[in-house]
């Protein structure tokens, strides 16, 4: 996972919610709400919409297997 200080909410990705220990598929449609309401919770942790985001990863397209 990448650190939240490099997170771009305008890009689709996966984010890790440390509060609920789950991975969420991020929608770029949430970017304006993120910009308005996100706040630093702790070092490397962003509080947003009841979540504690502590990492993100790009969505890697899957490649179909060729046999």
Protein backbone atom coordinates (compact mmCIF):
# COMPACT_ATOMS: atom_id res chain seq x y z
CA UNK A 1 0.00 0.00 0.00
CA UNK A 2 1.11 3.52 -0.75
CA UNK A 3 1.10 6.27 1.90
CA UNK A 4 -1.91 8.57 2.09
CA UNK A 5 0.24 11.65 1.48
CA UNK A 6 0.52 10.44 -2.15
CA UNK A 7 -3.22 9.66 -2.49
CA UNK A 8 -5.05 11.33 -5.38
CA UNK A 9 -8.80 11.21 -4.65
CA UNK A 10 -9.55 12.07 -8.28
CA UNK A 11 -8.21 8.69 -9.43
CA UNK A 12 -9.96 5.35 -8.97
CA UNK A 13 -7.98 3.05 -6.68
CA UNK A 14 -8.32 0.91 -3.58
CA UNK A 15 -8.01 2.41 -0.12
CA UNK A 16 -7.47 0.66 3.19
CA UNK A 17 -9.74 1.53 6.09
CA UNK A 18 -7.73 0.73 9.21
CA UNK A 19 -10.72 1.24 11.51
CA UNK A 20 -12.68 -1.64 9.98
CA UNK A 21 -9.66 -3.50 8.55
CA UNK A 22 -11.05 -3.56 5.04
CA UNK A 23 -10.13 -2.59 1.50
CA UNK A 24 -12.58 -0.31 -0.31
CA UNK A 25 -12.70 0.40 -4.02
CA UNK A 26 -12.41 4.19 -4.24
CA UNK A 27 -14.65 6.09 -6.64
CA UNK A 28 -13.37 9.35 -8.10
CA UNK A 29 -16.94 10.64 -7.67
CA UNK A 30 -16.15 10.98 -3.94
CA UNK A 31 -13.23 13.37 -4.58
CA UNK A 32 -15.11 16.61 -3.89
CA UNK A 33 -16.44 15.25 -0.57
CA UNK A 34 -12.94 14.03 0.29
CA UNK A 35 -11.42 17.46 -0.42
CA UNK A 36 -14.10 19.12 1.72
CA UNK A 37 -14.24 16.75 4.71
CA UNK A 38 -11.00 14.74 4.98
CA UNK A 39 -8.70 15.57 7.87
CA UNK A 40 -5.45 14.22 9.24
CA UNK A 41 -6.18 11.78 12.07
CA UNK A 42 -2.65 10.64 12.82
CA UNK A 43 0.66 10.28 11.00
CA UNK A 44 -0.25 8.58 7.71
CA UNK A 45 -3.94 8.31 8.58
CA UNK A 46 -6.78 10.36 7.10
CA UNK A 47 -10.20 10.52 8.72
CA UNK A 48 -12.99 10.68 6.16
CA UNK A 49 -16.67 9.71 6.26
CA UNK A 50 -16.32 7.55 9.37
CA UNK A 51 -13.26 5.75 7.98
CA UNK A 52 -9.58 5.90 8.91
CA UNK A 53 -7.75 5.63 5.61
CA UNK A 54 -4.15 4.51 6.03
CA UNK A 55 -3.05 3.42 2.56
CA UNK A 56 -4.01 3.16 -1.06
CA UNK A 57 -3.14 1.04 -4.09
CA UNK A 58 -3.78 1.46 -7.80
CA UNK A 59 -6.32 -0.76 -9.46
CA UNK A 60 -4.37 -3.13 -11.65
CA UNK A 61 -6.38 -4.45 -14.57
CA UNK A 62 -6.50 -8.22 -14.66
CA UNK A 63 -5.16 -9.97 -17.72
CA UNK A 64 -7.09 -12.94 -19.03
CA UNK A 65 -5.13 -16.18 -19.05
CA UNK A 66 -4.29 -17.47 -22.48
CA UNK A 67 -4.02 -21.20 -22.81
